[in-house]
Amino acid sequence: HKSGMLSAPPFSHGGIVEAHVDEEGTSGGMSSSNRRKALVLIRNPLHALPSLFDHAYELQKHLPVKFQEGYQRAHPLGGEEEARAAASIEEWISWRDRMFYSQLEAFGDFVRYWTSNYYGGDRLLIAYENLISDLGGNGGDGGASHGVGVEEAKRLRHFLEKVEYLETVEEEKVPCIWK
């Protein structure tokens, strides 16, 4: 029997959760062989802030948001209807100027929490931008070299391999899965 419990860190920012899996036979706690682990996927604030603004704008204007049926990214270079749905540069600048320091402080709190509460092999910090990057890959070598994203996916696989109750794929399959 495996039981699961979800708990949020003290400064919950929406979807940030910490997942615990109790080992069979324990009384609701962690055994020493099943210590808490944290996988922290972190996004560069340079990219995260505009994305957060887009999301807040979509909610405010009652537009379909990411991961909902009917979502289509508004883009100023798209059709006339899409351009009307996109926030103006002035709206972005106003939001950015009002929210920049509080969001940067929240980012710092986030990083401090995960780096202060999980150490060494119990924590894996992955930059989202690295995970999705195909830079460095050389398609002309028959697949012998891989880009940054594949290497990050391999690090992720190696970390997850140490977690009880999880099965991981063979390392040689990671580049295919990453694509």
N, C-alpha and C. Protein backbone atom coordinates (compact mmCIF):
# COMPACT_ATOMS: atom_id res chain seq x y z
N HIS A 1 0.85 -1.18 0.00
CA HIS A 1 0.00 0.00 0.00
C HIS A 1 0.88 1.23 0.00
N LYS A 2 0.67 2.11 -0.95
CA LYS A 2 1.42 3.36 -1.01
C LYS A 2 0.44 4.49 -0.76
N SER A 3 0.78 5.36 0.13
CA SER A 3 -0.09 6.50 0.36
C SER A 3 0.65 7.75 -0.06
N GLY A 4 -0.09 8.75 -0.47
CA GLY A 4 0.53 9.99 -0.89
C GLY A 4 -0.05 11.16 -0.14
N MET A 5 0.75 12.17 0.06
CA MET A 5 0.31 13.36 0.74
C MET A 5 0.94 14.54 0.03
N LEU A 6 0.16 15.56 -0.25
CA LEU A 6 0.71 16.76 -0.87
C LEU A 6 0.68 17.88 0.13
N SER A 7 1.74 18.64 0.20
CA SER A 7 1.76 19.81 1.06
C SER A 7 2.49 20.92 0.33
N ALA A 8 2.05 22.13 0.56
CA ALA A 8 2.65 23.28 -0.11
C ALA A 8 3.68 23.92 0.81
N PRO A 9 4.74 24.49 0.23
CA PRO A 9 5.70 25.24 1.04
C PRO A 9 4.99 26.43 1.69
N PRO A 10 5.62 27.06 2.67
CA PRO A 10 4.98 28.13 3.41
C PRO A 10 4.55 29.32 2.56
N PHE A 11 5.10 29.50 1.37
CA PHE A 11 4.80 30.67 0.55
C PHE A 11 4.14 30.27 -0.76
N SER A 12 3.24 29.35 -0.74
CA SER A 12 2.66 28.75 -1.94
C SER A 12 2.39 29.76 -3.04
N HIS A 13 2.91 29.48 -4.23
CA HIS A 13 2.69 30.31 -5.42
C HIS A 13 1.86 29.53 -6.42
N GLY A 14 0.70 29.10 -6.04
CA GLY A 14 -0.15 28.38 -6.99
C GLY A 14 0.27 26.93 -7.10
N GLY A 15 0.84 26.56 -8.25
CA GLY A 15 1.11 25.16 -8.54
C GLY A 15 2.37 24.60 -7.93
N ILE A 16 3.02 25.29 -7.04
CA ILE A 16 4.25 24.79 -6.45
C ILE A 16 3.88 23.90 -5.28
N VAL A 17 4.15 22.62 -5.41
CA VAL A 17 3.83 21.69 -4.33
C VAL A 17 5.01 20.79 -4.07
N GLU A 18 5.01 20.21 -2.91
CA GLU A 18 6.02 19.26 -2.51
C GLU A 18 5.28 17.93 -2.34
N ALA A 19 5.71 16.88 -2.99
CA ALA A 19 5.01 15.60 -2.92
C ALA A 19 5.79 14.64 -2.04
N HIS A 20 5.08 13.96 -1.17
CA HIS A 20 5.68 12.96 -0.28
C HIS A 20 5.02 11.62 -0.57
N VAL A 21 5.80 10.57 -0.61
CA VAL A 21 5.26 9.22 -0.71
C VAL A 21 5.74 8.47 0.50
N ASP A 22 4.80 7.99 1.31
CA ASP A 22 5.16 7.25 2.51
C ASP A 22 5.49 5.81 2.15
N GLU A 23 6.55 5.30 2.74
CA GLU A 23 6.96 3.92 2.50
C GLU A 23 6.02 2.99 3.26
N GLU A 24 5.69 1.88 2.65
CA GLU A 24 4.80 0.90 3.29
C GLU A 24 5.34 0.52 4.66
N GLY A 25 4.43 0.47 5.63
CA GLY A 25 4.82 0.03 6.96
C GLY A 25 5.24 1.15 7.89
N THR A 26 5.37 2.37 7.39
CA THR A 26 5.72 3.46 8.30
C THR A 26 4.44 4.06 8.84
N SER A 27 4.56 4.78 9.91
CA SER A 27 3.37 5.35 10.54
C SER A 27 3.16 6.78 10.06
N GLY A 28 3.07 6.95 8.78
CA GLY A 28 2.80 8.27 8.22
C GLY A 28 4.03 9.14 8.06
N GLY A 29 5.20 8.64 8.44
CA GLY A 29 6.41 9.44 8.32
C GLY A 29 7.37 8.84 7.31
N MET A 30 8.49 9.46 7.16
CA MET A 30 9.50 8.97 6.22
C MET A 30 10.48 8.07 6.94
N SER A 31 10.82 6.99 6.32
CA SER A 31 11.88 6.16 6.87
C SER A 31 13.20 6.78 6.45
N SER A 32 14.27 6.37 7.11
CA SER A 32 15.56 6.96 6.77
C SER A 32 16.00 6.57 5.37
N SER A 33 15.47 5.46 4.83
CA SER A 33 15.85 5.04 3.49
C SER A 33 15.03 5.75 2.41
N ASN A 34 14.04 6.52 2.82
CA ASN A 34 13.17 7.19 1.84
C ASN A 34 13.07 8.67 2.21
N ARG A 35 14.20 9.35 2.20
CA ARG A 35 14.24 10.76 2.56
C ARG A 35 13.47 11.60 1.54
N ARG A 36 13.07 12.77 1.97
CA ARG A 36 12.39 13.70 1.07
C ARG A 36 13.35 14.14 -0.03
N LYS A 37 12.80 14.26 -1.21
CA LYS A 37 13.58 14.73 -2.35
C LYS A 37 12.80 15.83 -3.03
N ALA A 38 13.51 16.70 -3.71
CA ALA A 38 12.85 17.81 -4.39
C ALA A 38 13.41 17.95 -5.79
N LEU A 39 12.51 18.01 -6.74
CA LEU A 39 12.85 18.34 -8.11
C LEU A 39 12.33 19.76 -8.31
N VAL A 40 13.24 20.68 -8.56
CA VAL A 40 12.88 22.09 -8.68
C VAL A 40 13.12 22.52 -10.12
N LEU A 41 12.03 22.78 -10.81
CA LEU A 41 12.11 23.28 -12.19
C LEU A 41 11.94 24.78 -12.08
N ILE A 42 12.99 25.50 -12.46
CA ILE A 42 13.00 26.94 -12.25
C ILE A 42 13.12 27.65 -13.59
N ARG A 43 12.44 28.75 -13.69
CA ARG A 43 12.43 29.50 -14.93
C ARG A 43 13.15 30.83 -14.75
N ASN A 44 13.92 31.23 -15.73
CA ASN A 44 14.61 32.51 -15.69
C ASN A 44 13.57 33.63 -15.59
N PRO A 45 13.72 34.55 -14.61
CA PRO A 45 12.73 35.62 -14.47
C PRO A 45 12.58 36.47 -15.74
N LEU A 46 13.63 36.53 -16.54
CA LEU A 46 13.55 37.28 -17.79
C LEU A 46 12.43 36.73 -18.69
N HIS A 47 12.19 35.43 -18.61
CA HIS A 47 11.14 34.79 -19.40
C HIS A 47 9.86 34.57 -18.58
N ALA A 48 10.04 34.32 -17.29
CA ALA A 48 8.90 34.00 -16.44
C ALA A 48 7.98 35.20 -16.23
N LEU A 49 8.54 36.39 -16.07
CA LEU A 49 7.70 37.57 -15.82
C LEU A 49 6.78 37.89 -16.98
N PRO A 50 7.25 37.93 -18.22
CA PRO A 50 6.31 38.16 -19.33
C PRO A 50 5.24 37.06 -19.43
N SER A 51 5.61 35.83 -19.13
CA SER A 51 4.65 34.73 -19.17
C SER A 51 3.60 34.91 -18.08
N LEU A 52 4.03 35.31 -16.88
CA LEU A 52 3.10 35.57 -15.79
C LEU A 52 2.16 36.72 -16.16
N PHE A 53 2.70 37.76 -16.77
CA PHE A 53 1.86 38.88 -17.21
C PHE A 53 0.82 38.41 -18.22
N ASP A 54 1.26 37.63 -19.20
CA ASP A 54 0.31 37.11 -20.21
C ASP A 54 -0.81 36.34 -19.54
N HIS A 55 -0.46 35.49 -18.59
CA HIS A 55 -1.45 34.68 -17.89
C HIS A 55 -2.43 35.56 -17.11
N ALA A 56 -1.89 36.53 -16.37
CA ALA A 56 -2.75 37.44 -15.60
C ALA A 56 -3.66 38.25 -16.53
N TYR A 57 -3.14 38.68 -17.66
CA TYR A 57 -3.92 39.44 -18.63
C TYR A 57 -5.06 38.59 -19.19
N GLU A 58 -4.75 37.34 -19.54
CA GLU A 58 -5.77 36.44 -20.08
C GLU A 58 -6.88 36.21 -19.06
N LEU A 59 -6.52 36.06 -17.79
CA LEU A 59 -7.52 35.87 -16.74
C LEU A 59 -8.38 37.13 -16.58
N GLN A 60 -7.72 38.28 -16.55
CA GLN A 60 -8.43 39.54 -16.37
C GLN A 60 -9.42 39.80 -17.50
N LYS A 61 -9.04 39.46 -18.71
CA LYS A 61 -9.89 39.71 -19.88
C LYS A 61 -10.81 38.52 -20.19
N HIS A 62 -10.82 37.53 -19.31
CA HIS A 62 -11.67 36.33 -19.48
C HIS A 62 -11.40 35.64 -20.82
N LEU A 63 -10.12 35.59 -21.17
CA LEU A 63 -9.70 34.88 -22.38
C LEU A 63 -9.37 33.45 -22.01
N PRO A 64 -9.48 32.51 -22.94
CA PRO A 64 -9.05 31.15 -22.62
C PRO A 64 -7.57 31.17 -22.25
N VAL A 65 -7.21 30.47 -21.19
CA VAL A 65 -5.82 30.45 -20.74
C VAL A 65 -5.19 29.12 -21.09
N LYS A 66 -3.88 29.09 -20.98
CA LYS A 66 -3.13 27.88 -21.31
C LYS A 66 -3.76 26.67 -20.64
N PHE A 67 -3.71 25.55 -21.30
CA PHE A 67 -4.19 24.27 -20.82
C PHE A 67 -5.71 24.19 -20.71
N GLN A 68 -6.42 25.17 -21.25
CA GLN A 68 -7.87 25.08 -21.31
C GLN A 68 -8.28 24.91 -22.76
N GLU A 69 -9.37 24.21 -22.95
CA GLU A 69 -9.88 24.00 -24.30
C GLU A 69 -10.15 25.36 -24.95
N GLY A 70 -9.79 25.51 -26.19
CA GLY A 70 -10.03 26.74 -26.91
C GLY A 70 -8.89 27.75 -26.80
N TYR A 71 -7.83 27.41 -26.03
CA TYR A 71 -6.72 28.34 -25.89
C TYR A 71 -5.97 28.46 -27.20
N GLN A 72 -5.73 29.69 -27.59
CA GLN A 72 -4.88 29.96 -28.75
C GLN A 72 -4.06 31.18 -28.40
N ARG A 73 -2.79 31.09 -28.49
CA ARG A 73 -1.89 32.17 -28.09
C ARG A 73 -2.14 33.41 -28.93
N ALA A 74 -2.42 34.50 -28.24
CA ALA A 74 -2.59 35.77 -28.94
C ALA A 74 -1.21 36.28 -29.35
N HIS A 75 -1.08 36.73 -30.56
CA HIS A 75 0.21 37.20 -31.04
C HIS A 75 -0.02 38.43 -31.91
N PRO A 76 0.70 39.52 -31.64
CA PRO A 76 0.49 40.74 -32.40
C PRO A 76 0.70 40.58 -33.91
N LEU A 77 1.46 39.57 -34.31
CA LEU A 77 1.69 39.37 -35.74
C LEU A 77 0.65 38.43 -36.35
N GLY A 78 -0.26 37.91 -35.51
CA GLY A 78 -1.30 37.01 -35.98
C GLY A 78 -2.43 37.80 -36.64
N GLY A 79 -3.58 37.17 -36.72
CA GLY A 79 -4.73 37.80 -37.35
C GLY A 79 -5.26 38.95 -36.53
N GLU A 80 -6.22 39.68 -37.10
CA GLU A 80 -6.78 40.87 -36.45
C GLU A 80 -7.41 40.53 -35.09
N GLU A 81 -8.11 39.42 -35.03
CA GLU A 81 -8.77 39.02 -33.78
C GLU A 81 -7.73 38.67 -32.71
N GLU A 82 -6.67 37.99 -33.11
CA GLU A 82 -5.62 37.65 -32.16
C GLU A 82 -4.93 38.90 -31.66
N ALA A 83 -4.69 39.86 -32.53
CA ALA A 83 -4.02 41.10 -32.14
C ALA A 83 -4.86 41.86 -31.13
N ARG A 84 -6.19 41.85 -31.27
CA ARG A 84 -7.05 42.54 -30.31
C ARG A 84 -6.99 41.86 -28.94
N ALA A 85 -6.74 40.55 -28.91
CA ALA A 85 -6.70 39.81 -27.65
C ALA A 85 -5.38 39.99 -26.91
N ALA A 86 -4.32 40.41 -27.61
CA ALA A 86 -3.01 40.58 -27.00
C ALA A 86 -2.96 41.89 -26.22
N ALA A 87 -2.23 41.87 -25.11
CA ALA A 87 -2.04 43.09 -24.33
C ALA A 87 -1.16 44.06 -25.11
N SER A 88 -1.37 45.32 -24.85
CA SER A 88 -0.55 46.34 -25.51
C SER A 88 0.80 46.46 -24.82
N ILE A 89 1.75 47.05 -25.51
CA ILE A 89 3.07 47.29 -24.93
C ILE A 89 2.93 48.17 -23.68
N GLU A 90 2.04 49.15 -23.74
CA GLU A 90 1.83 50.05 -22.61
C GLU A 90 1.33 49.29 -21.38
N GLU A 91 0.41 48.33 -21.60
CA GLU A 91 -0.10 47.53 -20.48
C GLU A 91 1.02 46.68 -19.87
N TRP A 92 1.86 46.10 -20.73
CA TRP A 92 2.98 45.31 -20.25
C TRP A 92 3.93 46.17 -19.43
N ILE A 93 4.31 47.33 -19.94
CA ILE A 93 5.26 48.20 -19.24
C ILE A 93 4.69 48.64 -17.89
N SER A 94 3.41 48.98 -17.86
CA SER A 94 2.77 49.39 -16.61
C SER A 94 2.81 48.26 -15.59
N TRP A 95 2.45 47.05 -16.00
CA TRP A 95 2.46 45.90 -15.11
C TRP A 95 3.88 45.61 -14.64
N ARG A 96 4.81 45.58 -15.58
CA ARG A 96 6.22 45.28 -15.26
C ARG A 96 6.76 46.28 -14.24
N ASP A 97 6.49 47.57 -14.45
CA ASP A 97 7.02 48.58 -13.54
C ASP A 97 6.40 48.47 -12.14
N ARG A 98 5.14 48.07 -12.05
CA ARG A 98 4.47 47.91 -10.76
C ARG A 98 4.89 46.64 -10.05
N MET A 99 5.10 45.57 -10.78
CA MET A 99 5.26 44.24 -10.19
C MET A 99 6.70 43.71 -10.14
N PHE A 100 7.62 44.36 -10.81
CA PHE A 100 8.96 43.81 -10.97
C PHE A 100 9.61 43.45 -9.64
N TYR A 101 9.68 44.37 -8.71
CA TYR A 101 10.42 44.12 -7.47
C TYR A 101 9.74 43.08 -6.59
N SER A 102 8.40 43.11 -6.52
CA SER A 102 7.72 42.10 -5.70
C SER A 102 7.88 40.71 -6.32
N GLN A 103 7.85 40.61 -7.64
CA GLN A 103 8.02 39.32 -8.29
C GLN A 103 9.46 38.82 -8.17
N LEU A 104 10.41 39.73 -8.24
CA LEU A 104 11.81 39.34 -8.08
C LEU A 104 12.06 38.87 -6.64
N GLU A 105 11.43 39.52 -5.67
CA GLU A 105 11.54 39.09 -4.27
C GLU A 105 10.91 37.70 -4.10
N ALA A 106 9.75 37.46 -4.71
CA ALA A 106 9.10 36.14 -4.63
C ALA A 106 9.99 35.08 -5.26
N PHE A 107 10.65 35.41 -6.37
CA PHE A 107 11.58 34.49 -7.01
C PHE A 107 12.72 34.14 -6.06
N GLY A 108 13.28 35.15 -5.40
CA GLY A 108 14.35 34.91 -4.43
C GLY A 108 13.89 34.04 -3.28
N ASP A 109 12.66 34.29 -2.77
CA ASP A 109 12.11 33.47 -1.70
C ASP A 109 11.98 32.02 -2.14
N PHE A 110 11.52 31.84 -3.37
CA PHE A 110 11.35 30.49 -3.93
C PHE A 110 12.69 29.76 -3.96
N VAL A 111 13.71 30.40 -4.50
CA VAL A 111 15.03 29.78 -4.60
C VAL A 111 15.60 29.50 -3.22
N ARG A 112 15.48 30.48 -2.31
CA ARG A 112 16.00 30.28 -0.96
C ARG A 112 15.31 29.11 -0.25
N TYR A 113 14.00 28.98 -0.41
CA TYR A 113 13.28 27.89 0.24
C TYR A 113 13.84 26.54 -0.20
N TRP A 114 13.91 26.33 -1.50
CA TRP A 114 14.32 25.00 -2.01
C TRP A 114 15.79 24.72 -1.78
N THR A 115 16.63 25.76 -1.80
CA THR A 115 18.06 25.51 -1.56
C THR A 115 18.37 25.41 -0.07
N SER A 116 17.51 25.93 0.79
CA SER A 116 17.73 25.85 2.24
C SER A 116 17.14 24.59 2.86
N ASN A 117 16.14 24.00 2.24
CA ASN A 117 15.44 22.87 2.85
C ASN A 117 15.77 21.53 2.23
N TYR A 118 16.45 21.52 1.11
CA TYR A 118 16.85 20.28 0.45
C TYR A 118 18.30 20.44 0.04
N TYR A 119 19.10 19.40 0.31
CA TYR A 119 20.54 19.53 0.12
C TYR A 119 21.06 18.46 -0.83
N GLY A 120 22.18 18.80 -1.47
CA GLY A 120 22.94 17.85 -2.27
C GLY A 120 22.11 16.93 -3.14
N GLY A 121 22.25 15.63 -2.90
CA GLY A 121 21.58 14.62 -3.71
C GLY A 121 20.08 14.54 -3.48
N ASP A 122 19.56 15.27 -2.49
CA ASP A 122 18.12 15.26 -2.24
C ASP A 122 17.38 16.33 -3.04
N ARG A 123 18.12 17.12 -3.79
CA ARG A 123 17.51 18.19 -4.57
C ARG A 123 18.14 18.24 -5.97
N LEU A 124 17.29 18.39 -6.96
CA LEU A 124 17.78 18.62 -8.31
C LEU A 124 17.15 19.92 -8.80
N LEU A 125 17.99 20.84 -9.16
CA LEU A 125 17.56 22.13 -9.68
C LEU A 125 17.79 22.12 -11.19
N ILE A 126 16.72 22.29 -11.95
CA ILE A 126 16.82 22.30 -13.41
C ILE A 126 16.25 23.61 -13.93
N ALA A 127 16.98 24.26 -14.79
CA ALA A 127 16.49 25.47 -15.45
C ALA A 127 15.58 25.06 -16.60
N TYR A 128 14.36 25.54 -16.59
CA TYR A 128 13.38 25.23 -17.63
C TYR A 128 13.96 25.52 -19.02
N GLU A 129 14.61 26.66 -19.15
CA GLU A 129 15.16 27.05 -20.45
C GLU A 129 16.20 26.04 -20.94
N ASN A 130 16.97 25.46 -20.02
CA ASN A 130 17.93 24.43 -20.41
C ASN A 130 17.23 23.14 -20.82
N LEU A 131 16.18 22.79 -20.09
CA LEU A 131 15.47 21.54 -20.37
C LEU A 131 14.85 21.54 -21.76
N ILE A 132 14.37 22.68 -22.23
CA ILE A 132 13.73 22.73 -23.54
C ILE A 132 14.70 23.10 -24.66
N SER A 133 15.94 23.37 -24.33
CA SER A 133 16.92 23.82 -25.32
C SER A 133 17.47 22.67 -26.15
N ASP A 134 17.62 22.92 -27.45
CA ASP A 134 18.30 21.94 -28.29
C ASP A 134 19.67 22.47 -28.73
N LEU A 135 20.13 23.53 -28.10
CA LEU A 135 21.45 24.08 -28.42
C LEU A 135 22.54 23.08 -28.09
N GLY A 136 23.54 23.04 -28.92
CA GLY A 136 24.67 22.15 -28.69
C GLY A 136 24.53 20.80 -29.35
N GLY A 137 23.32 20.46 -29.76
CA GLY A 137 23.12 19.19 -30.44
C GLY A 137 23.66 19.27 -31.85
N ASN A 138 24.23 18.20 -32.32
CA ASN A 138 24.79 18.18 -33.66
C ASN A 138 24.13 17.03 -34.41
N GLY A 139 23.19 17.36 -35.25
CA GLY A 139 22.43 16.33 -35.96
C GLY A 139 23.25 15.54 -36.96
N GLY A 140 24.48 15.95 -37.28
CA GLY A 140 25.25 15.29 -38.30
C GLY A 140 26.12 14.15 -37.81
N ASP A 141 25.95 13.75 -36.56
CA ASP A 141 26.84 12.70 -36.04
C ASP A 141 26.11 11.41 -35.73
N GLY A 142 24.95 11.23 -36.33
CA GLY A 142 24.21 10.00 -36.10
C GLY A 142 23.63 9.89 -34.70
N GLY A 143 23.47 11.03 -34.01
CA GLY A 143 22.86 11.02 -32.68
C GLY A 143 23.86 10.82 -31.55
N ALA A 144 25.18 10.87 -31.87
CA ALA A 144 26.17 10.65 -30.81
C ALA A 144 26.24 11.80 -29.82
N SER A 145 26.04 13.03 -30.28
CA SER A 145 26.05 14.16 -29.34
C SER A 145 24.65 14.72 -29.22
N HIS A 146 24.35 15.27 -28.06
CA HIS A 146 23.02 15.77 -27.80
C HIS A 146 23.12 17.19 -27.28
N GLY A 147 22.02 17.90 -27.38
CA GLY A 147 21.98 19.27 -26.90
C GLY A 147 21.80 19.35 -25.40
N VAL A 148 21.76 20.58 -24.93
CA VAL A 148 21.62 20.88 -23.51
C VAL A 148 20.37 20.23 -22.94
N GLY A 149 19.25 20.28 -23.67
CA GLY A 149 17.99 19.74 -23.17
C GLY A 149 18.07 18.25 -22.89
N VAL A 150 18.70 17.51 -23.77
CA VAL A 150 18.84 16.06 -23.57
C VAL A 150 19.72 15.79 -22.35
N GLU A 151 20.78 16.55 -22.20
CA GLU A 151 21.65 16.35 -21.04
C GLU A 151 20.91 16.66 -19.74
N GLU A 152 20.07 17.68 -19.74
CA GLU A 152 19.26 17.99 -18.55
C GLU A 152 18.25 16.86 -18.28
N ALA A 153 17.66 16.33 -19.34
CA ALA A 153 16.71 15.22 -19.19
C ALA A 153 17.42 13.99 -18.62
N LYS A 154 18.66 13.78 -18.99
CA LYS A 154 19.44 12.67 -18.42
C LYS A 154 19.71 12.90 -16.94
N ARG A 155 20.02 14.14 -16.57
CA ARG A 155 20.20 14.46 -15.14
C ARG A 155 18.92 14.17 -14.37
N LEU A 156 17.78 14.56 -14.96
CA LEU A 156 16.49 14.32 -14.34
C LEU A 156 16.25 12.82 -14.16
N ARG A 157 16.52 12.06 -15.19
CA ARG A 157 16.35 10.60 -15.13
C ARG A 157 17.22 10.00 -14.03
N HIS A 158 18.47 10.45 -13.96
CA HIS A 158 19.40 9.94 -12.95
C HIS A 158 18.89 10.26 -11.54
N PHE A 159 18.35 11.45 -11.34
CA PHE A 159 17.80 11.85 -10.04
C PHE A 159 16.58 11.00 -9.69
N LEU A 160 15.67 10.84 -10.62
CA LEU A 160 14.44 10.08 -10.38
C LEU A 160 14.72 8.60 -10.17
N GLU A 161 15.80 8.12 -10.75
CA GLU A 161 16.19 6.72 -10.60
C GLU A 161 16.43 6.36 -9.14
N LYS A 162 16.80 7.34 -8.32
CA LYS A 162 17.11 7.11 -6.91
C LYS A 162 15.87 7.17 -6.02
N VAL A 163 14.73 7.53 -6.59
CA VAL A 163 13.50 7.66 -5.81
C VAL A 163 12.78 6.32 -5.78
N GLU A 164 12.48 5.85 -4.56
CA GLU A 164 11.75 4.59 -4.44
C GLU A 164 10.39 4.72 -5.10
N TYR A 165 9.87 3.63 -5.59
CA TYR A 165 8.56 3.51 -6.21
C TYR A 165 8.47 4.14 -7.60
N LEU A 166 9.56 4.67 -8.11
CA LEU A 166 9.54 5.22 -9.46
C LEU A 166 10.36 4.34 -10.38
N GLU A 167 9.83 4.11 -11.55
CA GLU A 167 10.58 3.39 -12.57
C GLU A 167 10.99 4.40 -13.63
N THR A 168 12.23 4.33 -14.05
CA THR A 168 12.71 5.25 -15.08
C THR A 168 13.05 4.47 -16.34
N VAL A 169 13.11 5.18 -17.44
CA VAL A 169 13.46 4.55 -18.71
C VAL A 169 14.98 4.38 -18.77
N GLU A 170 15.43 3.54 -19.68
CA GLU A 170 16.85 3.36 -19.87
C GLU A 170 17.43 4.66 -20.41
N GLU A 171 18.67 4.95 -20.02
CA GLU A 171 19.30 6.22 -20.39
C GLU A 171 19.36 6.41 -21.91
N GLU A 172 19.57 5.33 -22.65
CA GLU A 172 19.67 5.48 -24.10
C GLU A 172 18.36 5.90 -24.75
N LYS A 173 17.24 5.76 -24.04
CA LYS A 173 15.94 6.18 -24.58
C LYS A 173 15.62 7.65 -24.30
N VAL A 174 16.38 8.28 -23.42
CA VAL A 174 16.10 9.66 -23.03
C VAL A 174 16.09 10.62 -24.22
N PRO A 175 17.06 10.58 -25.14
CA PRO A 175 17.01 11.53 -26.26
C PRO A 175 15.74 11.39 -27.10
N CYS A 176 15.28 10.19 -27.30
CA CYS A 176 14.07 9.96 -28.07
C CYS A 176 12.85 10.52 -27.34
N ILE A 177 12.78 10.28 -26.05
CA ILE A 177 11.65 10.76 -25.25
C ILE A 177 11.69 12.28 -25.18
N TRP A 178 12.87 12.86 -25.05
CA TRP A 178 13.00 14.31 -24.95
C TRP A 178 12.44 15.01 -26.18
N LYS A 179 12.67 14.40 -27.36
CA LYS A 179 12.20 15.01 -28.61
C LYS A 179 10.71 15.17 -28.57
